[in-house]
Structures are given as structure tokens and as C-alpha cells.
Amino acid sequence: MLEVGGSIPSPPTKYSFSNSFPALSMRVDASPTGPELVLTSRVDLLVSDYLAHCRAKGLAPNTVSGAYAFPLNQVFLPWCHEHGIAEPEQLDSRTLDRLAAHLLENGGARGPLSKATVHSYLRPINSMLTWAREEGEVGNVKAQLPRLPKTLIDVLSRQEIDRLEDAAKSERDKLIVRVLADTGIRVGELVKLRATDVLERDRKHYLRVQGKGAKERLVPIPRLYRRLQRLIRGRPADVPTDRLFLGLKRRANHEDLEPLTPSGVQQMLRNVAKVAGIEKRVHPHLLRHSFAAHQLARGMNPIQLADILGHSNLVMIHRVYAHLSPSDAYEAMLRSLYDESA
């Protein structure tokens, strides 16, 4: 990166600035059409360094680009450019309040944004500010998040899950429904499973799951092991992949089966839900939420549940507690008292 101090007369820039920035630098970016001169401020560089930090931590590329890069590059930086925020020292509480108010009242090209959308944009900005504070770039500041109404996450009953499985046409689809419902794994984790990930250890059966950040965990499958083994044994002999769940179509002009994709699983669940007569919007994450709610209602330790789900904290677990009815709490208390007196 080529650094040049001082002001430069009208170079090509990524953004149109309404104010002249006091501390600008210049870098040369490679592009298919040749080197591109890009004008940046210290806030731009701060964001760039933070995204590099996220990538260095091993976060998934989709997580970095979607959850962090988009709100920072497409929302935060354009607002900073428009309002002359060039130095990290300018990012104080009042400035961040103006940003939050602008998003709520003016928003983007289509008008004001919802509280939920603004909340989703400000969270990665606060994460960046936390990192910047640890780096000595900013003070102890963060954007004020708008209060969100507390809503219940919808779940499927065990009877509805049984209906989904019964409506599925193939054993592959039946097992996909049951694995998602009985393990709570993410759809991205499901499609990456391989035949060798169905394990037996000390006469107990598990799925070896590669979670976010390449973190590996073992998820118990006490009722699915034999069915999964039969699925593996029934695979076509000419299949060149060891993926556990195969696509049902052949590639164009190839003998190989197409790999199963998250969108393929989502479409299958929508079709199965329609056949089963379930009016709720059925998707893979709904089965994950349902699993969490059912396990909590049955008294599973939240820390154990978080470990099975691949969560590093109990935030999501706390959210699904809202599904527990007073009778659930009563039964949980009875079990607790009975166990203590045993």
C-alpha cells in the first residue's frame, strides 16, 4: 500500500465526500482493469484493519462479508463520509447517537429503517468499537441500540415434526427432518456431514459436526445411528463423494450426483410442510429452535444444550426460555425437588 501525506487534487475515490478530511491517505488497489487509486480516512483504515482482524480470527467468509463488512462498509462509512467523520477520535457518544437517529428517521434509499434492522447494523459497529478501544484507537464508546419488542420464537411440536417426517417421500428426506429436529444442528453443518462423521465411541453414538469457526463438536444421536448406517450402506457404489446426504439429481453431462445444498434442504422442507398441512413457515432454523425449546422443557442443562448447539454463550438459550409455559416450569421444579430428595 502506497501512503502519501497531505492533500491531493481530485483523485478518483470510492465515495464522494461532502467535506475535506484533515488526514487522508492514498492506496493503490489492484483490479481487473488496472491499479485503482482509493482515497481513505483513518476511520476507513480502522474499519479495514478490523475486518482483517475478523478474517485473521478464522471467522467464516460469509460471516465477515455479511455480518460485518456490509454494515461497516455500506452503512457506517458512507455516513461518516457524509458527515465529515474522518478521525477515530470523532467517534464519541453524541456522534454515534446521531448515526442511530439518522438510520431510524431517514434510513437508506427506501426511507427509515426498522428498529430490528438498525439494531443489526449497530451491533457490528459496536464490535468494531470494542476492538478499537482495545487497540487504543477510541475511548469507551458504543452506539446505543434501539430497544426491540420481545417476541417469541415459533417452534414446532413433536407431533408436527412427526408429520413432517411422515410426509417426506424418501428415506433421505425423512432422515434430514429427523436429524435437524433431534440434534439442532445448523443446515450448513448438515450438508457438510460425511459418512465418517457418524461415530460410535464407548458404545455411544454421535455425529461429528464442523461448526462455525471450524470448531468441532460431538452431537449425540442415540436414536438415529442405525438409520444413518443403513443410509450409508445403501449408497450407490459409483458415488465419488463421502458426503452423508447426497443430492437426488445428476450433474448436467456428468454421472456424479449434485451435492446437497442448504437451499435444497429449505425447499424440501417447504414442500414437505405443505404436504403435511403445516401452515407455519417451516425452515431448517425452525427445527433448531424447536429442538432447543423441547430440550429445555424436558429439563436439559442449558450449558449442555449450548454445547450441543455449538454456541459459545447462553444468549440464544435464554431467548428460547420464553417458550416454557407455567406448567413446564412446574414440572421442572417437581423434577428438581424429587432429584434432591432421592
Protein backbone atom coordinates (compact mmCIF):
# COMPACT_ATOMS: atom_id res chain seq x y z
CA MET A 1 0.00 0.00 0.00
CA LEU A 2 1.41 3.37 -1.05
CA GLU A 3 0.97 6.05 1.61
CA VAL A 4 1.02 9.75 0.69
CA GLY A 5 0.55 12.55 3.20
CA GLY A 6 -1.11 15.91 2.58
CA SER A 7 -3.89 16.89 0.21
CA ILE A 8 -4.14 15.56 -3.35
CA PRO A 9 -6.03 17.34 -6.14
CA SER A 10 -9.18 15.44 -7.17
CA PRO A 11 -8.04 11.78 -7.30
CA PRO A 12 -10.62 9.08 -8.12
CA THR A 13 -12.33 7.93 -4.95
CA LYS A 14 -14.73 5.22 -3.80
CA TYR A 15 -17.04 7.80 -2.19
CA SER A 16 -17.99 11.41 -2.80
CA PHE A 17 -17.13 13.40 0.31
CA SER A 18 -19.04 16.50 1.29
CA ASN A 19 -16.17 17.73 3.50
CA SER A 20 -12.39 17.78 3.09
CA PHE A 21 -10.76 15.39 5.53
CA PRO A 22 -7.75 16.53 7.55
CA ALA A 23 -5.85 13.23 7.48
CA LEU A 24 -6.23 11.43 4.20
CA SER A 25 -4.04 8.71 2.78
CA MET A 26 -3.81 7.11 -0.62
CA ARG A 27 -3.53 3.45 -1.54
CA VAL A 28 -3.34 1.60 -4.82
CA ASP A 29 -5.74 -1.34 -5.19
CA ALA A 30 -5.32 -3.97 -7.87
CA SER A 31 -8.33 -4.52 -10.10
CA PRO A 32 -9.01 -6.40 -13.38
CA THR A 33 -8.80 -3.10 -15.25
CA GLY A 34 -5.55 -2.00 -13.64
CA PRO A 35 -4.47 -0.17 -10.45
CA GLU A 36 -7.18 1.89 -8.79
CA LEU A 37 -6.38 4.90 -6.60
CA VAL A 38 -8.56 4.90 -3.49
CA LEU A 39 -8.78 7.79 -1.03
CA THR A 40 -9.30 6.80 2.59
CA SER A 41 -9.51 8.40 6.02
CA ARG A 42 -8.22 6.99 9.29
CA VAL A 43 -11.74 5.74 10.02
CA ASP A 44 -11.69 3.87 6.70
CA LEU A 45 -8.39 2.29 7.64
CA LEU A 46 -9.71 1.44 11.09
CA VAL A 47 -12.61 -0.47 9.54
CA SER A 48 -10.27 -2.18 7.08
CA ASP A 49 -7.98 -3.27 9.91
CA TYR A 50 -10.92 -4.56 11.94
CA LEU A 51 -12.21 -6.67 9.06
CA ALA A 52 -8.69 -8.05 8.62
CA HIS A 53 -8.77 -8.89 12.35
CA CYS A 54 -12.08 -10.76 11.84
CA ARG A 55 -10.61 -12.76 8.97
CA ALA A 56 -7.47 -13.48 10.98
CA LYS A 57 -9.65 -14.90 13.79
CA GLY A 58 -10.84 -17.51 11.31
CA LEU A 59 -14.43 -16.29 11.03
CA ALA A 60 -16.27 -17.77 8.07
CA PRO A 61 -16.01 -15.62 4.91
CA ASN A 62 -19.79 -15.34 4.69
CA THR A 63 -19.92 -14.13 8.30
CA VAL A 64 -17.25 -11.50 7.68
CA SER A 65 -18.78 -10.24 4.44
CA GLY A 66 -22.42 -10.35 5.52
CA ALA A 67 -22.49 -9.70 9.25
CA TYR A 68 -19.55 -7.28 9.48
CA ALA A 69 -18.35 -5.89 6.13
CA PHE A 70 -21.75 -4.91 4.78
CA PRO A 71 -22.94 -2.73 7.72
CA LEU A 72 -19.47 -1.25 8.19
CA ASN A 73 -18.66 -0.53 4.53
CA GLN A 74 -22.13 0.18 3.18
CA VAL A 75 -23.79 1.89 6.16
CA PHE A 76 -21.25 3.17 8.68
CA LEU A 77 -18.51 4.50 6.38
CA PRO A 78 -20.80 6.32 3.91
CA TRP A 79 -22.47 8.08 6.85
CA CYS A 80 -19.05 9.03 8.25
CA HIS A 81 -18.00 10.40 4.86
CA GLU A 82 -21.20 12.39 4.50
CA HIS A 83 -20.79 13.95 7.94
CA GLY A 84 -17.04 14.57 7.86
CA ILE A 85 -16.10 11.88 10.39
CA ALA A 86 -12.51 11.12 9.41
CA GLU A 87 -10.71 10.56 12.73
CA PRO A 88 -11.38 7.77 15.26
CA GLU A 89 -11.34 10.44 17.99
CA GLN A 90 -14.52 11.90 16.46
CA LEU A 91 -16.46 8.72 17.24
CA ASP A 92 -17.94 9.80 20.55
CA SER A 93 -21.35 9.02 22.08
CA ARG A 94 -23.06 12.06 20.55
CA THR A 95 -21.81 11.19 17.06
CA LEU A 96 -22.98 7.60 17.40
CA ASP A 97 -26.37 8.80 18.68
CA ARG A 98 -26.71 10.93 15.54
CA LEU A 99 -25.91 7.87 13.42
CA ALA A 100 -28.55 5.76 15.17
CA ALA A 101 -31.13 8.55 14.90
CA HIS A 102 -30.35 9.03 11.20
CA LEU A 103 -30.88 5.34 10.45
CA LEU A 104 -34.18 5.27 12.34
CA GLU A 105 -35.54 8.53 10.92
CA ASN A 106 -34.02 8.66 7.44
CA GLY A 107 -32.53 5.24 6.79
CA GLY A 108 -31.44 4.44 3.27
CA ALA A 109 -32.77 4.97 -0.25
CA ARG A 110 -36.10 3.41 0.68
CA GLY A 111 -36.66 5.53 3.76
CA PRO A 112 -36.48 4.92 7.53
CA LEU A 113 -35.26 1.55 8.75
CA SER A 114 -36.95 -0.68 11.30
CA LYS A 115 -35.59 -0.96 14.82
CA ALA A 116 -34.57 -4.55 14.11
CA THR A 117 -32.58 -3.52 11.02
CA VAL A 118 -30.88 -0.63 12.81
CA HIS A 119 -30.09 -2.99 15.70
CA SER A 120 -28.45 -5.45 13.27
CA TYR A 121 -26.35 -2.64 11.73
CA LEU A 122 -25.21 -1.10 15.02
CA ARG A 123 -24.11 -4.37 16.66
CA PRO A 124 -21.11 -4.93 14.33
CA ILE A 125 -20.26 -1.24 14.65
CA ASN A 126 -20.11 -1.71 18.42
CA SER A 127 -17.98 -4.82 17.96
CA MET A 128 -15.57 -2.78 15.88
CA LEU A 129 -15.51 -0.03 18.51
CA THR A 130 -14.78 -2.57 21.26
CA TRP A 131 -11.82 -3.86 19.26
CA ALA A 132 -10.68 -0.28 18.50
CA ARG A 133 -10.81 0.58 22.22
CA GLU A 134 -8.57 -2.41 23.00
CA GLU A 135 -6.20 -1.15 20.29
CA GLY A 136 -6.11 2.31 21.88
CA GLU A 137 -7.81 3.98 18.91
CA VAL A 138 -11.04 5.17 20.57
CA GLY A 139 -12.41 5.75 24.03
CA ASN A 140 -15.01 3.71 25.87
CA VAL A 141 -17.88 4.49 23.49
CA LYS A 142 -20.55 2.49 21.73
CA ALA A 143 -23.71 3.11 19.75
CA GLN A 144 -26.97 2.97 21.66
CA LEU A 145 -29.02 0.05 20.37
CA PRO A 146 -32.74 0.65 19.86
CA ARG A 147 -34.98 -1.36 22.16
CA LEU A 148 -36.61 -4.26 20.37
CA PRO A 149 -40.02 -5.67 21.28
CA LYS A 150 -39.70 -9.05 22.94
CA THR A 151 -41.09 -11.63 20.56
CA LEU A 152 -41.49 -15.37 20.91
CA ILE A 153 -39.65 -17.61 18.50
CA ASP A 154 -42.08 -20.00 16.85
CA VAL A 155 -41.47 -23.73 17.31
CA LEU A 156 -42.88 -26.99 16.02
CA SER A 157 -44.48 -29.50 18.34
CA ARG A 158 -43.17 -33.06 18.36
CA GLN A 159 -46.40 -34.12 16.65
CA GLU A 160 -45.79 -31.61 13.84
CA ILE A 161 -42.24 -32.90 13.42
CA ASP A 162 -43.59 -36.45 13.14
CA ARG A 163 -46.00 -35.25 10.46
CA LEU A 164 -43.11 -33.68 8.55
CA GLU A 165 -41.18 -36.93 8.62
CA ASP A 166 -44.23 -38.95 7.55
CA ALA A 167 -44.84 -36.58 4.62
CA ALA A 168 -41.28 -36.88 3.31
CA LYS A 169 -41.07 -39.16 0.29
CA SER A 170 -37.58 -40.63 0.58
CA GLU A 171 -35.62 -42.05 3.49
CA ARG A 172 -33.01 -39.37 2.83
CA ASP A 173 -35.58 -36.61 3.35
CA LYS A 174 -37.08 -38.34 6.39
CA LEU A 175 -33.62 -38.54 7.96
CA ILE A 176 -32.85 -34.90 7.15
CA VAL A 177 -36.03 -33.87 9.00
CA ARG A 178 -35.21 -36.12 11.94
CA VAL A 179 -31.53 -35.15 12.19
CA LEU A 180 -32.36 -31.43 12.19
CA ALA A 181 -35.15 -31.96 14.74
CA ASP A 182 -33.29 -34.35 17.05
CA THR A 183 -29.85 -32.68 17.06
CA GLY A 184 -30.49 -28.97 16.46
CA ILE A 185 -27.54 -28.70 14.07
CA ARG A 186 -27.46 -25.90 11.51
CA VAL A 187 -28.37 -26.60 7.89
CA GLY A 188 -24.85 -25.59 6.82
CA GLU A 189 -23.46 -28.18 9.22
CA LEU A 190 -25.89 -30.82 7.94
CA VAL A 191 -24.88 -30.56 4.28
CA LYS A 192 -21.17 -30.82 5.22
CA LEU A 193 -21.59 -34.10 7.13
CA ARG A 194 -19.63 -37.04 5.77
CA ALA A 195 -20.21 -40.76 6.20
CA THR A 196 -17.18 -40.89 8.50
CA ASP A 197 -18.84 -38.35 10.82
CA VAL A 198 -21.31 -40.98 12.07
CA LEU A 199 -19.34 -42.32 15.04
CA GLU A 200 -19.53 -44.94 17.76
CA ARG A 201 -17.48 -44.30 20.89
CA ASP A 202 -17.73 -46.36 24.07
CA ARG A 203 -20.98 -47.87 22.73
CA LYS A 204 -22.46 -44.39 22.35
CA HIS A 205 -23.32 -42.80 19.04
CA TYR A 206 -22.52 -39.31 17.80
CA LEU A 207 -22.36 -37.00 14.82
CA ARG A 208 -19.05 -35.21 14.40
CA VAL A 209 -20.09 -31.70 13.40
CA GLN A 210 -17.90 -28.94 11.99
CA GLY A 211 -19.40 -25.75 13.40
CA LYS A 212 -18.70 -22.05 12.98
CA GLY A 213 -15.05 -21.09 13.09
CA ALA A 214 -14.10 -24.69 12.21
CA LYS A 215 -14.95 -25.73 15.77
CA GLU A 216 -15.63 -29.46 16.00
CA ARG A 217 -18.15 -30.96 18.40
CA LEU A 218 -19.81 -34.31 19.01
CA VAL A 219 -23.62 -34.34 18.95
CA PRO A 220 -25.38 -37.39 20.47
CA ILE A 221 -27.67 -39.39 18.14
CA PRO A 222 -28.98 -42.20 20.38
CA ARG A 223 -31.98 -42.92 18.11
CA LEU A 224 -30.57 -42.23 14.64
CA TYR A 225 -27.33 -44.21 14.42
CA ARG A 226 -28.78 -47.39 12.88
CA ARG A 227 -30.87 -45.49 10.33
CA LEU A 228 -27.89 -43.42 9.28
CA GLN A 229 -25.76 -46.56 8.94
CA ARG A 230 -28.40 -48.11 6.67
CA LEU A 231 -28.40 -44.93 4.58
CA ILE A 232 -24.61 -45.15 4.23
CA ARG A 233 -24.69 -48.84 3.27
CA GLY A 234 -27.34 -48.13 0.64
CA ARG A 235 -25.28 -45.51 -1.21
CA PRO A 236 -24.64 -46.13 -4.94
CA ALA A 237 -21.27 -47.78 -5.46
CA ASP A 238 -20.15 -45.19 -8.03
CA VAL A 239 -20.65 -42.14 -5.83
CA PRO A 240 -17.31 -40.24 -5.78
CA THR A 241 -18.07 -38.25 -2.61
CA ASP A 242 -18.29 -39.31 1.03
CA ARG A 243 -20.93 -36.71 1.92
CA LEU A 244 -23.57 -38.24 4.18
CA PHE A 245 -26.57 -36.71 2.40
CA LEU A 246 -26.42 -36.78 -1.39
CA GLY A 247 -28.40 -34.79 -3.92
CA LEU A 248 -31.11 -36.59 -5.86
CA LYS A 249 -30.12 -35.27 -9.30
CA ARG A 250 -27.14 -35.91 -11.54
CA ARG A 251 -24.94 -33.05 -12.66
CA ALA A 252 -25.53 -31.89 -16.23
CA ASN A 253 -23.43 -34.02 -18.63
CA HIS A 254 -21.90 -35.88 -15.69
CA GLU A 255 -22.52 -39.11 -13.86
CA ASP A 256 -21.88 -37.55 -10.46
CA LEU A 257 -24.76 -36.67 -8.14
CA GLU A 258 -25.15 -32.97 -7.39
CA PRO A 259 -24.11 -32.03 -3.83
CA LEU A 260 -26.90 -31.30 -1.39
CA THR A 261 -27.15 -27.55 -0.67
CA PRO A 262 -28.77 -25.53 2.14
CA SER A 263 -31.26 -24.08 -0.34
CA GLY A 264 -32.13 -27.62 -1.45
CA VAL A 265 -32.89 -28.58 2.16
CA GLN A 266 -35.00 -25.44 2.62
CA GLN A 267 -37.02 -26.17 -0.50
CA MET A 268 -37.54 -29.78 0.55
CA LEU A 269 -38.84 -28.68 3.97
CA ARG A 270 -41.24 -26.20 2.40
CA ASN A 271 -42.64 -28.91 0.12
CA VAL A 272 -42.92 -31.45 2.94
CA ALA A 273 -44.65 -28.91 5.23
CA LYS A 274 -47.20 -28.22 2.51
CA VAL A 275 -47.93 -31.94 2.10
CA ALA A 276 -48.16 -32.32 5.91
CA GLY A 277 -50.66 -29.45 6.12
CA ILE A 278 -48.49 -27.36 8.43
CA GLU A 279 -49.26 -23.66 7.97
CA LYS A 280 -46.21 -22.35 9.83
CA ARG A 281 -43.22 -21.25 7.75
CA VAL A 282 -41.04 -24.32 8.10
CA HIS A 283 -37.30 -23.85 7.60
CA PRO A 284 -34.15 -25.53 8.99
CA HIS A 285 -33.60 -22.98 11.76
CA LEU A 286 -37.16 -23.50 12.99
CA LEU A 287 -36.25 -27.14 13.68
CA ARG A 288 -33.15 -25.93 15.52
CA HIS A 289 -35.23 -23.60 17.71
CA SER A 290 -37.75 -26.39 18.28
CA PHE A 291 -35.03 -28.76 19.43
CA ALA A 292 -33.70 -26.19 21.91
CA ALA A 293 -37.16 -25.42 23.30
CA HIS A 294 -38.07 -29.11 23.70
CA GLN A 295 -34.81 -29.97 25.46
CA LEU A 296 -35.17 -27.07 27.88
CA ALA A 297 -38.77 -28.06 28.63
CA ARG A 298 -37.55 -31.56 29.44
CA GLY A 299 -35.00 -30.22 31.89
CA MET A 300 -31.74 -30.36 29.94
CA ASN A 301 -28.94 -28.29 31.47
CA PRO A 302 -28.66 -25.05 29.42
CA ILE A 303 -24.86 -25.29 29.41
CA GLN A 304 -25.04 -28.80 27.96
CA LEU A 305 -27.58 -27.62 25.41
CA ALA A 306 -25.37 -24.71 24.35
CA ASP A 307 -22.51 -27.17 23.84
CA ILE A 308 -24.68 -29.45 21.67
CA LEU A 309 -25.88 -26.48 19.59
CA GLY A 310 -22.38 -25.10 19.16
CA HIS A 311 -22.98 -21.83 21.00
CA SER A 312 -20.19 -20.08 22.87
CA ASN A 313 -22.66 -18.39 25.25
CA LEU A 314 -26.21 -18.73 26.56
CA VAL A 315 -27.83 -15.79 24.72
CA MET A 316 -29.90 -17.93 22.35
CA ILE A 317 -30.67 -20.38 25.14
CA HIS A 318 -32.07 -17.51 27.20
CA ARG A 319 -34.31 -16.48 24.30
CA VAL A 320 -35.95 -19.89 23.94
CA TYR A 321 -36.76 -19.99 27.66
CA ALA A 322 -39.69 -17.78 26.69
CA HIS A 323 -41.38 -20.86 25.25
CA LEU A 324 -41.66 -22.57 28.61
CA SER A 325 -45.18 -22.39 29.96
CA PRO A 326 -46.04 -22.21 33.68
CA SER A 327 -46.80 -25.95 33.59
CA ASP A 328 -43.33 -26.58 32.11
CA ALA A 329 -41.79 -24.63 34.97
CA TYR A 330 -43.94 -26.53 37.49
CA GLU A 331 -42.84 -29.91 36.11
CA ALA A 332 -39.21 -28.79 36.05
CA MET A 333 -39.47 -27.74 39.70
CA LEU A 334 -41.01 -31.09 40.65
CA ARG A 335 -38.18 -32.96 38.94
CA SER A 336 -35.62 -30.78 40.67
CA LEU A 337 -37.15 -31.30 44.13
CA TYR A 338 -37.62 -35.03 43.55
CA ASP A 339 -33.97 -35.45 42.49
CA GLU A 340 -32.77 -33.57 45.56
CA SER A 341 -34.79 -35.76 47.91
CA ALA A 342 -33.64 -39.01 46.25
